[in-house]
PDB file of N, CA and C in Angstrom:
ATOM      1  N   MET A   1       0.810  -1.193   0.000  1.00  0.00           N
ATOM      2  CA  MET A   1       0.000   0.000   0.000  1.00  0.00           C
ATOM      3  C   MET A   1       0.856   1.260   0.000  1.00  0.00           C
ATOM      4  N   PHE A   2       1.921   1.246   0.773  1.00  0.00           N
ATOM      5  CA  PHE A   2       2.786   2.420   0.879  1.00  0.00           C
ATOM      6  C   PHE A   2       4.152   2.115   0.263  1.00  0.00           C
ATOM      7  N   GLU A   3       4.166   1.503  -0.918  1.00  0.00           N
ATOM      8  CA  GLU A   3       5.398   1.043  -1.546  1.00  0.00           C
ATOM      9  C   GLU A   3       6.385   2.169  -1.828  1.00  0.00           C
ATOM     10  N   SER A   4       5.889   3.340  -2.143  1.00  0.00           N
ATOM     11  CA  SER A   4       6.784   4.440  -2.519  1.00  0.00           C
ATOM     12  C   SER A   4       7.492   5.078  -1.325  1.00  0.00           C
ATOM     13  N   PHE A   5       7.132   4.680  -0.106  1.00  0.00           N
ATOM     14  CA  PHE A   5       7.744   5.249   1.089  1.00  0.00           C
ATOM     15  C   PHE A   5       8.830   4.316   1.637  1.00  0.00           C
ATOM     16  N   ASN A   6       9.752   4.880   2.400  1.00  0.00           N
ATOM     17  CA  ASN A   6      10.785   4.093   3.079  1.00  0.00           C
ATOM     18  C   ASN A   6      10.149   3.220   4.154  1.00  0.00           C
ATOM     19  N   ASP A   7      10.944   2.325   4.741  1.00  0.00           N
ATOM     20  CA  ASP A   7      10.434   1.440   5.793  1.00  0.00           C
ATOM     21  C   ASP A   7      10.070   2.198   7.058  1.00  0.00           C
ATOM     22  N   VAL A   8      10.715   3.337   7.290  1.00  0.00           N
ATOM     23  CA  VAL A   8      10.421   4.185   8.448  1.00  0.00           C
ATOM     24  C   VAL A   8      10.120   5.576   7.927  1.00  0.00           C
ATOM     25  N   LEU A   9       8.990   6.127   8.348  1.00  0.00           N
ATOM     26  CA  LEU A   9       8.552   7.430   7.864  1.00  0.00           C
ATOM     27  C   LEU A   9       8.724   8.499   8.929  1.00  0.00           C
ATOM     28  N   THR A  10       9.016   9.705   8.477  1.00  0.00           N
ATOM     29  CA  THR A  10       9.050  10.845   9.383  1.00  0.00           C
ATOM     30  C   THR A  10       7.612  11.274   9.662  1.00  0.00           C
ATOM     31  N   PHE A  11       7.467  12.189  10.579  1.00  0.00           N
ATOM     32  CA  PHE A  11       6.135  12.709  10.911  1.00  0.00           C
ATOM     33  C   PHE A  11       5.469  13.308   9.672  1.00  0.00           C
ATOM     34  N   GLU A  12       6.213  14.112   8.934  1.00  0.00           N
ATOM     35  CA  GLU A  12       5.663  14.777   7.751  1.00  0.00           C
ATOM     36  C   GLU A  12       5.263  13.765   6.676  1.00  0.00           C
ATOM     37  N   GLU A  13       6.093  12.745   6.473  1.00  0.00           N
ATOM     38  CA  GLU A  13       5.773  11.706   5.498  1.00  0.00           C
ATOM     39  C   GLU A  13       4.527  10.932   5.905  1.00  0.00           C
ATOM     40  N   THR A  14       4.369  10.712   7.200  1.00  0.00           N
ATOM     41  CA  THR A  14       3.198  10.000   7.694  1.00  0.00           C
ATOM     42  C   THR A  14       1.933  10.822   7.451  1.00  0.00           C
ATOM     43  N   CYS A  15       2.003  12.116   7.696  1.00  0.00           N
ATOM     44  CA  CYS A  15       0.860  12.995   7.403  1.00  0.00           C
ATOM     45  C   CYS A  15       0.480  12.894   5.934  1.00  0.00           C
ATOM     46  N   LYS A  16       1.487  12.932   5.081  1.00  0.00           N
ATOM     47  CA  LYS A  16       1.240  12.876   3.644  1.00  0.00           C
ATOM     48  C   LYS A  16       0.653  11.522   3.243  1.00  0.00           C
ATOM     49  N   ALA A  17       1.201  10.445   3.774  1.00  0.00           N
ATOM     50  CA  ALA A  17       0.741   9.098   3.419  1.00  0.00           C
ATOM     51  C   ALA A  17      -0.709   8.875   3.828  1.00  0.00           C
ATOM     52  N   LEU A  18      -1.079   9.379   5.000  1.00  0.00           N
ATOM     53  CA  LEU A  18      -2.437   9.180   5.505  1.00  0.00           C
ATOM     54  C   LEU A  18      -3.392  10.308   5.118  1.00  0.00           C
ATOM     55  N   ARG A  19      -2.841  11.340   4.467  1.00  0.00           N
ATOM     56  CA  ARG A  19      -3.637  12.522   4.109  1.00  0.00           C
ATOM     57  C   ARG A  19      -4.362  13.056   5.336  1.00  0.00           C
ATOM     58  N   MET A  20      -3.563  13.308   6.349  1.00  0.00           N
ATOM     59  CA  MET A  20      -4.078  13.659   7.663  1.00  0.00           C
ATOM     60  C   MET A  20      -3.353  14.912   8.160  1.00  0.00           C
ATOM     61  N   GLY A  21      -4.048  15.717   8.933  1.00  0.00           N
ATOM     62  CA  GLY A  21      -3.443  16.908   9.512  1.00  0.00           C
ATOM     63  C   GLY A  21      -2.534  16.578  10.684  1.00  0.00           C
ATOM     64  N   LYS A  22      -1.699  17.540  11.042  1.00  0.00           N
ATOM     65  CA  LYS A  22      -0.736  17.352  12.124  1.00  0.00           C
ATOM     66  C   LYS A  22      -1.397  17.054  13.457  1.00  0.00           C
ATOM     67  N   ASN A  23      -2.422  17.813  13.796  1.00  0.00           N
ATOM     68  CA  ASN A  23      -3.061  17.639  15.100  1.00  0.00           C
ATOM     69  C   ASN A  23      -3.658  16.252  15.273  1.00  0.00           C
ATOM     70  N   MET A  24      -4.315  15.748  14.246  1.00  0.00           N
ATOM     71  CA  MET A  24      -4.903  14.409  14.330  1.00  0.00           C
ATOM     72  C   MET A  24      -3.820  13.351  14.443  1.00  0.00           C
ATOM     73  N   LEU A  25      -2.749  13.502  13.674  1.00  0.00           N
ATOM     74  CA  LEU A  25      -1.670  12.519  13.739  1.00  0.00           C
ATOM     75  C   LEU A  25      -1.004  12.537  15.105  1.00  0.00           C
ATOM     76  N   TYR A  26      -0.750  13.722  15.670  1.00  0.00           N
ATOM     77  CA  TYR A  26      -0.173  13.797  17.018  1.00  0.00           C
ATOM     78  C   TYR A  26      -1.055  13.048  18.018  1.00  0.00           C
ATOM     79  N   LYS A  27      -2.354  13.226  17.901  1.00  0.00           N
ATOM     80  CA  LYS A  27      -3.287  12.564  18.811  1.00  0.00           C
ATOM     81  C   LYS A  27      -3.178  11.040  18.686  1.00  0.00           C
ATOM     82  N   LEU A  28      -3.142  10.531  17.458  1.00  0.00           N
ATOM     83  CA  LEU A  28      -3.053   9.090  17.229  1.00  0.00           C
ATOM     84  C   LEU A  28      -1.721   8.515  17.695  1.00  0.00           C
ATOM     85  N   LEU A  29      -0.648   9.280  17.556  1.00  0.00           N
ATOM     86  CA  LEU A  29       0.663   8.820  18.014  1.00  0.00           C
ATOM     87  C   LEU A  29       0.744   8.811  19.533  1.00  0.00           C
ATOM     88  N   ARG A  30       0.237   9.860  20.160  1.00  0.00           N
ATOM     89  CA  ARG A  30       0.306   9.959  21.623  1.00  0.00           C
ATOM     90  C   ARG A  30      -0.515   8.890  22.328  1.00  0.00           C
ATOM     91  N   ASN A  31      -1.691   8.570  21.785  1.00  0.00           N
ATOM     92  CA  ASN A  31      -2.520   7.572  22.469  1.00  0.00           C
ATOM     93  C   ASN A  31      -2.205   6.141  22.027  1.00  0.00           C
ATOM     94  N   GLY A  32      -1.224   5.961  21.132  1.00  0.00           N
ATOM     95  CA  GLY A  32      -0.773   4.634  20.754  1.00  0.00           C
ATOM     96  C   GLY A  32      -1.583   3.951  19.673  1.00  0.00           C
ATOM     97  N   THR A  33      -2.515   4.655  19.066  1.00  0.00           N
ATOM     98  CA  THR A  33      -3.299   4.068  17.986  1.00  0.00           C
ATOM     99  C   THR A  33      -2.400   3.702  16.812  1.00  0.00           C
ATOM    100  N   ILE A  34      -1.446   4.574  16.526  1.00  0.00           N
ATOM    101  CA  ILE A  34      -0.410   4.279  15.537  1.00  0.00           C
ATOM    102  C   ILE A  34       0.892   4.150  16.311  1.00  0.00           C
ATOM    103  N   LYS A  35       1.524   2.995  16.190  1.00  0.00           N
ATOM    104  CA  LYS A  35       2.767   2.759  16.917  1.00  0.00           C
ATOM    105  C   LYS A  35       3.895   3.552  16.276  1.00  0.00           C
ATOM    106  N   SER A  36       4.725   4.149  17.120  1.00  0.00           N
ATOM    107  CA  SER A  36       5.822   4.964  16.626  1.00  0.00           C
ATOM    108  C   SER A  36       6.985   4.921  17.610  1.00  0.00           C
ATOM    109  N   VAL A  37       8.082   5.504  17.177  1.00  0.00           N
ATOM    110  CA  VAL A  37       9.259   5.660  18.027  1.00  0.00           C
ATOM    111  C   VAL A  37       9.535   7.149  18.107  1.00  0.00           C
ATOM    112  N   LYS A  38       9.743   7.629  19.319  1.00  0.00           N
ATOM    113  CA  LYS A  38      10.061   9.036  19.490  1.00  0.00           C
ATOM    114  C   LYS A  38      11.538   9.136  19.874  1.00  0.00           C
ATOM    115  N   ILE A  39      12.297   9.832  19.056  1.00  0.00           N
ATOM    116  CA  ILE A  39      13.714  10.046  19.316  1.00  0.00           C
ATOM    117  C   ILE A  39      13.906  11.549  19.469  1.00  0.00           C
ATOM    118  N   GLY A  40      14.251  11.939  20.679  1.00  0.00           N
ATOM    119  CA  GLY A  40      14.332  13.370  20.956  1.00  0.00           C
ATOM    120  C   GLY A  40      12.946  13.968  20.877  1.00  0.00           C
ATOM    121  N   ARG A  41      12.783  14.920  19.989  1.00  0.00           N
ATOM    122  CA  ARG A  41      11.482  15.570  19.822  1.00  0.00           C
ATOM    123  C   ARG A  41      10.751  15.104  18.568  1.00  0.00           C
ATOM    124  N   LYS A  42      11.329  14.132  17.856  1.00  0.00           N
ATOM    125  CA  LYS A  42      10.762  13.714  16.578  1.00  0.00           C
ATOM    126  C   LYS A  42      10.152  12.315  16.655  1.00  0.00           C
ATOM    127  N   TYR A  43       9.046  12.153  15.932  1.00  0.00           N
ATOM    128  CA  TYR A  43       8.384  10.855  15.818  1.00  0.00           C
ATOM    129  C   TYR A  43       8.801  10.185  14.510  1.00  0.00           C
ATOM    130  N   TYR A  44       9.006   8.870  14.578  1.00  0.00           N
ATOM    131  CA  TYR A  44       9.270   8.051  13.408  1.00  0.00           C
ATOM    132  C   TYR A  44       8.282   6.894  13.428  1.00  0.00           C
ATOM    133  N   VAL A  45       7.687   6.627  12.271  1.00  0.00           N
ATOM    134  CA  VAL A  45       6.617   5.635  12.188  1.00  0.00           C
ATOM    135  C   VAL A  45       7.028   4.529  11.218  1.00  0.00           C
ATOM    136  N   PRO A  46       7.113   3.288  11.701  1.00  0.00           N
ATOM    137  CA  PRO A  46       7.392   2.175  10.787  1.00  0.00           C
ATOM    138  C   PRO A  46       6.233   1.987   9.807  1.00  0.00           C
ATOM    139  N   LYS A  47       6.555   1.658   8.581  1.00  0.00           N
ATOM    140  CA  LYS A  47       5.528   1.450   7.562  1.00  0.00           C
ATOM    141  C   LYS A  47       4.572   0.338   7.988  1.00  0.00           C
ATOM    142  N   VAL A  48       5.078  -0.645   8.717  1.00  0.00           N
ATOM    143  CA  VAL A  48       4.245  -1.747   9.217  1.00  0.00           C
ATOM    144  C   VAL A  48       3.119  -1.201  10.103  1.00  0.00           C
ATOM    145  N   SER A  49       3.422  -0.185  10.903  1.00  0.00           N
ATOM    146  CA  SER A  49       2.409   0.412  11.786  1.00  0.00           C
ATOM    147  C   SER A  49       1.298   1.075  10.988  1.00  0.00           C
ATOM    148  N   LEU A  50       1.641   1.677   9.860  1.00  0.00           N
ATOM    149  CA  LEU A  50       0.612   2.291   9.014  1.00  0.00           C
ATOM    150  C   LEU A  50      -0.310   1.227   8.430  1.00  0.00           C
ATOM    151  N   ASN A  51       0.288   0.127   7.978  1.00  0.00           N
ATOM    152  CA  ASN A  51      -0.530  -0.966   7.439  1.00  0.00           C
ATOM    153  C   ASN A  51      -1.455  -1.539   8.503  1.00  0.00           C
ATOM    154  N   GLU A  52      -0.954  -1.710   9.736  1.00  0.00           N
ATOM    155  CA  GLU A  52      -1.789  -2.205  10.832  1.00  0.00           C
ATOM    156  C   GLU A  52      -2.933  -1.242  11.113  1.00  0.00           C
ATOM    157  N   PHE A  53      -2.640   0.044  11.121  1.00  0.00           N
ATOM    158  CA  PHE A  53      -3.655   1.060  11.387  1.00  0.00           C
ATOM    159  C   PHE A  53      -4.754   1.024  10.322  1.00  0.00           C
ATOM    160  N   ILE A  54      -4.362   0.978   9.067  1.00  0.00           N
ATOM    161  CA  ILE A  54      -5.339   0.939   7.965  1.00  0.00           C
ATOM    162  C   ILE A  54      -6.148  -0.353   8.023  1.00  0.00           C
ATOM    163  N   ASN A  55      -5.478  -1.477   8.238  1.00  0.00           N
ATOM    164  CA  ASN A  55      -6.178  -2.770   8.284  1.00  0.00           C
ATOM    165  C   ASN A  55      -7.153  -2.863   9.454  1.00  0.00           C
ATOM    166  N   SER A  56      -6.862  -2.197  10.551  1.00  0.00           N
ATOM    167  CA  SER A  56      -7.761  -2.251  11.707  1.00  0.00           C
ATOM    168  C   SER A  56      -9.100  -1.569  11.398  1.00  0.00           C
ATOM    169  N   TYR A  57      -9.123  -0.646  10.459  1.00  0.00           N
ATOM    170  CA  TYR A  57     -10.358   0.029  10.098  1.00  0.00           C
ATOM    171  C   TYR A  57     -11.056  -0.630   8.911  1.00  0.00           C
ATOM    172  N   CYS A  58     -10.330  -1.468   8.192  1.00  0.00           N
ATOM    173  CA  CYS A  58     -10.929  -2.139   7.013  1.00  0.00           C
ATOM    174  C   CYS A  58     -11.600  -3.454   7.391  1.00  0.00           C
ATOM    175  N   ASN A  59     -11.247  -4.006   8.528  1.00  0.00           N
ATOM    176  CA  ASN A  59     -11.812  -5.314   8.911  1.00  0.00           C
ATOM    177  C   ASN A  59     -12.937  -5.189   9.891  1.00  0.00           C
TER     178      ASN A  59
END
């Protein structure tokens, strides 16, 4: 589904991939709906986490 993206996405890339605003994505990352890694002040999202998130709403 997200073939054109790297295995790990930055916050901005994740917004673009999900066509989602910053505030909504921050909310989903903070409450653990989308699994991510926070290094310093930046979030990184594995592509696998995006697929899990999308699949959880399709099933």
